[in-house]
Amino acid sequence: MNDSIALKTANVSISLRGASSIATDTAQVVLMEDSLVKLLQLRDVSQELSRNINRSWGVILIPNIICIAGALFGGFTVMHSMIFNQIGGLLAVGNGLLPLRKASAVRLEKERQQAARLPAPAVAE
C-alpha cells in the first residue's frame, strides 16, 4: 500500500503478480510471475529498443544533413532533397521492422526445436 507512492514517482516502476491492486495499478510494468526472473529479459528488450530508436534517428538525420550540405555547397535541387528524404524514411521504416524479423526468427527456431523433439509418426507396414 505504501509502495504505491514510490511506484508513482519512479522513472520506471515494476510490480509483481500478486501484489496489492494499488501497486499493480500504479506500476508501469507488472511481471506476471511471482519472481524477478523476467527482469533481465525486460532490460535486454529495453536496451534493444533504445539502440533501434537511436539507429532510426541516425538513418533519418544523415540524409537530411547531406541534403542541407548539398543545397548549400553542392547545388542540390528540391528533387535531390525529396529523394534523400524518402530514402531516409524508407531506411527508418526498415529499421523499425527489424524487431519483427528477429521475433519471427526466434519463433521459427522454437518451432524447429519442438518438431525435433516430437517422435516420428508410426509407419504401417
N, C-alpha and C. Protein backbone atom coordinates (compact mmCIF):
# COMPACT_ATOMS: atom_id res chain seq x y z
N MET A 1 0.82 -1.18 0.00
CA MET A 1 0.00 0.00 0.00
C MET A 1 0.87 1.25 0.00
N ASN A 2 1.87 1.31 0.88
CA ASN A 2 2.71 2.49 0.93
C ASN A 2 3.76 2.50 -0.19
N ASP A 3 3.89 1.40 -0.93
CA ASP A 3 4.78 1.37 -2.09
C ASP A 3 4.20 2.12 -3.27
N SER A 4 2.90 2.35 -3.29
CA SER A 4 2.28 2.99 -4.45
C SER A 4 2.80 4.40 -4.67
N ILE A 5 3.16 5.11 -3.62
CA ILE A 5 3.72 6.46 -3.76
C ILE A 5 5.08 6.39 -4.43
N ALA A 6 5.91 5.43 -4.01
CA ALA A 6 7.23 5.25 -4.62
C ALA A 6 7.08 4.81 -6.08
N LEU A 7 6.12 3.93 -6.36
CA LEU A 7 5.90 3.48 -7.73
C LEU A 7 5.45 4.63 -8.63
N LYS A 8 4.66 5.52 -8.07
CA LYS A 8 4.14 6.66 -8.84
C LYS A 8 5.24 7.65 -9.19
N THR A 9 6.21 7.86 -8.29
CA THR A 9 7.25 8.86 -8.52
C THR A 9 8.48 8.29 -9.23
N ALA A 10 8.58 6.99 -9.38
CA ALA A 10 9.75 6.37 -10.02
C ALA A 10 9.76 6.62 -11.52
N ASN A 11 10.95 6.61 -12.12
CA ASN A 11 11.07 6.72 -13.57
C ASN A 11 10.45 5.50 -14.25
N VAL A 12 10.76 4.33 -13.74
CA VAL A 12 10.17 3.08 -14.23
C VAL A 12 9.76 2.30 -13.00
N SER A 13 8.49 1.93 -12.93
CA SER A 13 8.01 1.19 -11.77
C SER A 13 7.59 -0.22 -12.20
N ILE A 14 8.01 -1.20 -11.40
CA ILE A 14 7.76 -2.61 -11.69
C ILE A 14 7.10 -3.24 -10.48
N SER A 15 6.05 -3.99 -10.74
CA SER A 15 5.35 -4.70 -9.68
C SER A 15 5.25 -6.17 -10.07
N LEU A 16 5.02 -7.01 -9.10
CA LEU A 16 4.88 -8.44 -9.34
C LEU A 16 3.42 -8.85 -9.27
N ARG A 17 3.11 -9.95 -9.94
CA ARG A 17 1.76 -10.51 -9.84
C ARG A 17 1.54 -10.89 -8.38
N GLY A 18 0.37 -10.64 -7.89
CA GLY A 18 0.05 -10.95 -6.51
C GLY A 18 0.27 -9.80 -5.56
N ALA A 19 0.82 -8.70 -6.05
CA ALA A 19 0.97 -7.52 -5.20
C ALA A 19 -0.40 -6.88 -5.00
N SER A 20 -0.46 -5.89 -4.15
CA SER A 20 -1.74 -5.22 -3.90
C SER A 20 -2.25 -4.59 -5.20
N SER A 21 -3.56 -4.43 -5.29
CA SER A 21 -4.15 -3.88 -6.50
C SER A 21 -3.69 -2.45 -6.76
N ILE A 22 -3.43 -1.71 -5.70
CA ILE A 22 -2.92 -0.34 -5.87
C ILE A 22 -1.53 -0.39 -6.50
N ALA A 23 -0.68 -1.32 -6.07
CA ALA A 23 0.67 -1.43 -6.62
C ALA A 23 0.63 -1.85 -8.08
N THR A 24 -0.20 -2.82 -8.43
CA THR A 24 -0.26 -3.26 -9.82
C THR A 24 -0.92 -2.21 -10.71
N ASP A 25 -1.85 -1.44 -10.19
CA ASP A 25 -2.47 -0.38 -10.98
C ASP A 25 -1.53 0.79 -11.20
N THR A 26 -0.66 1.07 -10.23
CA THR A 26 0.24 2.21 -10.30
C THR A 26 1.49 1.89 -11.12
N ALA A 27 1.95 0.65 -11.10
CA ALA A 27 3.19 0.27 -11.76
C ALA A 27 3.06 0.37 -13.27
N GLN A 28 4.16 0.74 -13.92
CA GLN A 28 4.19 0.80 -15.37
C GLN A 28 4.37 -0.58 -15.98
N VAL A 29 5.07 -1.46 -15.26
CA VAL A 29 5.32 -2.82 -15.71
C VAL A 29 4.87 -3.76 -14.60
N VAL A 30 4.08 -4.76 -14.97
CA VAL A 30 3.67 -5.78 -14.00
C VAL A 30 4.18 -7.12 -14.51
N LEU A 31 5.10 -7.73 -13.77
CA LEU A 31 5.61 -9.05 -14.14
C LEU A 31 4.59 -10.09 -13.71
N MET A 32 4.22 -10.96 -14.61
CA MET A 32 3.16 -11.92 -14.34
C MET A 32 3.67 -13.18 -13.65
N GLU A 33 4.83 -13.12 -13.06
CA GLU A 33 5.36 -14.21 -12.25
C GLU A 33 5.56 -13.69 -10.83
N ASP A 34 5.77 -14.61 -9.91
CA ASP A 34 5.97 -14.22 -8.53
C ASP A 34 7.42 -13.89 -8.21
N SER A 35 8.28 -13.88 -9.24
CA SER A 35 9.70 -13.58 -9.00
C SER A 35 10.19 -12.58 -10.05
N LEU A 36 11.42 -12.17 -9.89
CA LEU A 36 12.03 -11.19 -10.79
C LEU A 36 12.83 -11.84 -11.92
N VAL A 37 12.50 -13.08 -12.26
CA VAL A 37 13.24 -13.82 -13.28
C VAL A 37 13.22 -13.10 -14.63
N LYS A 38 12.12 -12.54 -15.01
CA LYS A 38 11.97 -11.90 -16.32
C LYS A 38 12.53 -10.48 -16.35
N LEU A 39 13.04 -9.99 -15.24
CA LEU A 39 13.53 -8.61 -15.18
C LEU A 39 14.72 -8.41 -16.12
N LEU A 40 15.65 -9.36 -16.18
CA LEU A 40 16.79 -9.24 -17.09
C LEU A 40 16.36 -9.27 -18.54
N GLN A 41 15.37 -10.09 -18.83
CA GLN A 41 14.84 -10.14 -20.19
C GLN A 41 14.19 -8.80 -20.57
N LEU A 42 13.50 -8.20 -19.63
CA LEU A 42 12.90 -6.89 -19.85
C LEU A 42 13.97 -5.82 -20.11
N ARG A 43 15.06 -5.90 -19.36
CA ARG A 43 16.18 -4.96 -19.56
C ARG A 43 16.78 -5.13 -20.95
N ASP A 44 16.96 -6.38 -21.38
CA ASP A 44 17.52 -6.64 -22.71
C ASP A 44 16.62 -6.09 -23.81
N VAL A 45 15.31 -6.27 -23.66
CA VAL A 45 14.37 -5.76 -24.65
C VAL A 45 14.41 -4.24 -24.69
N SER A 46 14.50 -3.60 -23.53
CA SER A 46 14.53 -2.14 -23.50
C SER A 46 15.82 -1.60 -24.10
N GLN A 47 16.95 -2.26 -23.86
CA GLN A 47 18.20 -1.82 -24.46
C GLN A 47 18.17 -1.98 -25.98
N GLU A 48 17.61 -3.08 -26.45
CA GLU A 48 17.48 -3.30 -27.89
C GLU A 48 16.59 -2.24 -28.52
N LEU A 49 15.50 -1.89 -27.85
CA LEU A 49 14.62 -0.84 -28.34
C LEU A 49 15.33 0.51 -28.39
N SER A 50 16.10 0.81 -27.38
CA SER A 50 16.85 2.07 -27.35
C SER A 50 17.86 2.13 -28.49
N ARG A 51 18.56 1.04 -28.74
CA ARG A 51 19.51 1.00 -29.86
C ARG A 51 18.79 1.19 -31.19
N ASN A 52 17.62 0.56 -31.33
CA ASN A 52 16.85 0.66 -32.55
C ASN A 52 16.39 2.10 -32.79
N ILE A 53 15.95 2.77 -31.75
CA ILE A 53 15.50 4.17 -31.87
C ILE A 53 16.67 5.07 -32.26
N ASN A 54 17.82 4.88 -31.62
CA ASN A 54 18.99 5.69 -31.96
C ASN A 54 19.43 5.45 -33.40
N ARG A 55 19.37 4.20 -33.84
CA ARG A 55 19.72 3.88 -35.23
C ARG A 55 18.74 4.55 -36.19
N SER A 56 17.45 4.56 -35.85
CA SER A 56 16.45 5.22 -36.70
C SER A 56 16.72 6.72 -36.80
N TRP A 57 17.08 7.35 -35.68
CA TRP A 57 17.40 8.78 -35.72
C TRP A 57 18.57 9.03 -36.65
N GLY A 58 19.60 8.19 -36.57
CA GLY A 58 20.75 8.36 -37.45
C GLY A 58 20.39 8.17 -38.91
N VAL A 59 19.56 7.18 -39.18
CA VAL A 59 19.14 6.90 -40.56
C VAL A 59 18.31 8.05 -41.12
N ILE A 60 17.60 8.75 -40.28
CA ILE A 60 16.80 9.89 -40.75
C ILE A 60 17.65 11.16 -40.84
N LEU A 61 18.51 11.39 -39.85
CA LEU A 61 19.27 12.65 -39.81
C LEU A 61 20.38 12.72 -40.86
N ILE A 62 21.07 11.63 -41.11
CA ILE A 62 22.21 11.67 -42.04
C ILE A 62 21.79 12.10 -43.44
N PRO A 63 20.73 11.51 -44.04
CA PRO A 63 20.32 12.00 -45.37
C PRO A 63 19.89 13.46 -45.35
N ASN A 64 19.24 13.90 -44.27
CA ASN A 64 18.84 15.30 -44.20
C ASN A 64 20.03 16.24 -44.06
N ILE A 65 21.04 15.84 -43.33
CA ILE A 65 22.26 16.65 -43.24
C ILE A 65 22.95 16.71 -44.60
N ILE A 66 22.96 15.58 -45.31
CA ILE A 66 23.52 15.57 -46.67
C ILE A 66 22.74 16.52 -47.57
N CYS A 67 21.42 16.54 -47.43
CA CYS A 67 20.58 17.45 -48.24
C CYS A 67 20.91 18.90 -47.95
N ILE A 68 21.05 19.25 -46.69
CA ILE A 68 21.34 20.64 -46.32
C ILE A 68 22.72 21.04 -46.85
N ALA A 69 23.71 20.16 -46.64
CA ALA A 69 25.05 20.46 -47.14
C ALA A 69 25.05 20.53 -48.66
N GLY A 70 24.32 19.64 -49.31
CA GLY A 70 24.25 19.66 -50.76
C GLY A 70 23.56 20.90 -51.29
N ALA A 71 22.54 21.37 -50.59
CA ALA A 71 21.84 22.58 -51.02
C ALA A 71 22.72 23.80 -50.84
N LEU A 72 23.51 23.82 -49.77
CA LEU A 72 24.37 24.98 -49.52
C LEU A 72 25.62 24.99 -50.39
N PHE A 73 26.23 23.81 -50.57
CA PHE A 73 27.55 23.76 -51.21
C PHE A 73 27.58 22.97 -52.52
N GLY A 74 26.60 22.12 -52.77
CA GLY A 74 26.70 21.23 -53.92
C GLY A 74 25.69 21.46 -55.01
N GLY A 75 24.83 22.42 -54.86
CA GLY A 75 23.86 22.70 -55.91
C GLY A 75 22.70 21.72 -55.96
N PHE A 76 22.36 21.10 -54.83
CA PHE A 76 21.21 20.20 -54.80
C PHE A 76 19.94 20.99 -55.08
N THR A 77 19.04 20.36 -55.77
CA THR A 77 17.73 20.96 -56.03
C THR A 77 16.71 20.36 -55.07
N VAL A 78 15.47 20.78 -55.21
CA VAL A 78 14.39 20.25 -54.38
C VAL A 78 14.21 18.75 -54.63
N MET A 79 14.39 18.33 -55.88
CA MET A 79 14.26 16.91 -56.21
C MET A 79 15.29 16.06 -55.47
N HIS A 80 16.51 16.54 -55.40
CA HIS A 80 17.53 15.82 -54.64
C HIS A 80 17.12 15.69 -53.17
N SER A 81 16.62 16.76 -52.61
CA SER A 81 16.20 16.75 -51.21
C SER A 81 15.06 15.76 -50.99
N MET A 82 14.12 15.75 -51.91
CA MET A 82 12.99 14.81 -51.79
C MET A 82 13.47 13.37 -51.85
N ILE A 83 14.38 13.09 -52.75
CA ILE A 83 14.89 11.71 -52.90
C ILE A 83 15.63 11.28 -51.64
N PHE A 84 16.53 12.12 -51.15
CA PHE A 84 17.28 11.76 -49.94
C PHE A 84 16.34 11.62 -48.74
N ASN A 85 15.35 12.47 -48.64
CA ASN A 85 14.40 12.40 -47.54
C ASN A 85 13.61 11.10 -47.60
N GLN A 86 13.16 10.72 -48.78
CA GLN A 86 12.39 9.48 -48.92
C GLN A 86 13.26 8.25 -48.64
N ILE A 87 14.51 8.29 -49.07
CA ILE A 87 15.42 7.17 -48.79
C ILE A 87 15.62 7.03 -47.28
N GLY A 88 15.84 8.15 -46.60
CA GLY A 88 15.99 8.11 -45.14
C GLY A 88 14.75 7.58 -44.45
N GLY A 89 13.57 7.99 -44.93
CA GLY A 89 12.33 7.49 -44.34
C GLY A 89 12.14 6.00 -44.56
N LEU A 90 12.45 5.52 -45.76
CA LEU A 90 12.32 4.09 -46.03
C LEU A 90 13.31 3.27 -45.21
N LEU A 91 14.52 3.78 -45.06
CA LEU A 91 15.50 3.07 -44.22
C LEU A 91 15.05 3.04 -42.76
N ALA A 92 14.44 4.11 -42.28
CA ALA A 92 13.94 4.14 -40.91
C ALA A 92 12.79 3.15 -40.72
N VAL A 93 11.91 3.05 -41.72
CA VAL A 93 10.82 2.06 -41.63
C VAL A 93 11.40 0.65 -41.62
N GLY A 94 12.38 0.40 -42.49
CA GLY A 94 13.03 -0.92 -42.49
C GLY A 94 13.69 -1.23 -41.16
N ASN A 95 14.33 -0.24 -40.57
CA ASN A 95 14.94 -0.42 -39.26
C ASN A 95 13.89 -0.68 -38.19
N GLY A 96 12.74 -0.02 -38.30
CA GLY A 96 11.66 -0.25 -37.34
C GLY A 96 11.08 -1.65 -37.44
N LEU A 97 11.20 -2.29 -38.60
CA LEU A 97 10.68 -3.64 -38.77
C LEU A 97 11.66 -4.73 -38.34
N LEU A 98 12.91 -4.36 -38.03
CA LEU A 98 13.89 -5.36 -37.61
C LEU A 98 13.45 -6.20 -36.40
N PRO A 99 12.85 -5.61 -35.36
CA PRO A 99 12.42 -6.46 -34.24
C PRO A 99 11.41 -7.54 -34.66
N LEU A 100 10.55 -7.24 -35.62
CA LEU A 100 9.60 -8.25 -36.10
C LEU A 100 10.34 -9.39 -36.79
N ARG A 101 11.36 -9.04 -37.55
CA ARG A 101 12.15 -10.08 -38.23
C ARG A 101 12.86 -10.96 -37.21
N LYS A 102 13.42 -10.35 -36.17
CA LYS A 102 14.09 -11.12 -35.13
C LYS A 102 13.10 -12.00 -34.37
N ALA A 103 11.92 -11.46 -34.09
CA ALA A 103 10.90 -12.24 -33.37
C ALA A 103 10.44 -13.44 -34.20
N SER A 104 10.28 -13.25 -35.50
CA SER A 104 9.86 -14.38 -36.33
C SER A 104 10.96 -15.42 -36.43
N ALA A 105 12.23 -14.99 -36.43
CA ALA A 105 13.33 -15.94 -36.45
C ALA A 105 13.37 -16.75 -35.16
N VAL A 106 13.12 -16.11 -34.03
CA VAL A 106 13.08 -16.82 -32.74
C VAL A 106 11.93 -17.82 -32.72
N ARG A 107 10.76 -17.38 -33.20
CA ARG A 107 9.59 -18.27 -33.24
C ARG A 107 9.84 -19.47 -34.14
N LEU A 108 10.47 -19.25 -35.30
CA LEU A 108 10.78 -20.34 -36.22
C LEU A 108 11.76 -21.33 -35.59
N GLU A 109 12.75 -20.81 -34.86
CA GLU A 109 13.71 -21.68 -34.19
C GLU A 109 13.03 -22.52 -33.11
N LYS A 110 12.10 -21.92 -32.35
CA LYS A 110 11.36 -22.68 -31.34
C LYS A 110 10.52 -23.77 -31.98
N GLU A 111 9.89 -23.46 -33.11
CA GLU A 111 9.08 -24.46 -33.81
C GLU A 111 9.96 -25.61 -34.31
N ARG A 112 11.15 -25.29 -34.80
CA ARG A 112 12.07 -26.34 -35.25
C ARG A 112 12.50 -27.23 -34.09
N GLN A 113 12.78 -26.61 -32.94
CA GLN A 113 13.18 -27.39 -31.77
C GLN A 113 12.05 -28.30 -31.30
N GLN A 114 10.82 -27.78 -31.32
CA GLN A 114 9.68 -28.60 -30.92
C GLN A 114 9.46 -29.73 -31.91
N ALA A 115 9.62 -29.46 -33.20
CA ALA A 115 9.45 -30.50 -34.21
C ALA A 115 10.51 -31.57 -34.07
N ALA A 116 11.72 -31.20 -33.67
CA ALA A 116 12.80 -32.18 -33.49
C ALA A 116 12.54 -33.06 -32.28
N ARG A 117 11.81 -32.57 -31.29
CA ARG A 117 11.51 -33.35 -30.08
C ARG A 117 10.36 -34.33 -30.28
N LEU A 118 9.49 -34.06 -31.24
CA LEU A 118 8.34 -34.92 -31.44
C LEU A 118 8.78 -36.25 -32.01
N PRO A 119 8.16 -37.35 -31.56
CA PRO A 119 8.53 -38.66 -32.12
C PRO A 119 8.02 -38.76 -33.56
N ALA A 120 8.76 -39.54 -34.35
CA ALA A 120 8.37 -39.73 -35.74
C ALA A 120 7.07 -40.53 -35.79
N PRO A 121 6.17 -40.22 -36.75
CA PRO A 121 4.92 -40.97 -36.83
C PRO A 121 5.18 -42.42 -37.21
N ALA A 122 4.35 -43.28 -36.66
CA ALA A 122 4.48 -44.72 -36.95
C ALA A 122 4.04 -44.99 -38.37
N VAL A 123 4.82 -45.80 -39.06
CA VAL A 123 4.50 -46.15 -40.46
C VAL A 123 3.98 -47.58 -40.47
N ALA A 124 2.80 -47.76 -41.06
CA ALA A 124 2.22 -49.09 -41.15
C ALA A 124 2.90 -49.84 -42.28
N GLU A 125 3.27 -51.10 -41.97
CA GLU A 125 3.93 -51.91 -42.99
C GLU A 125 3.01 -52.94 -43.53
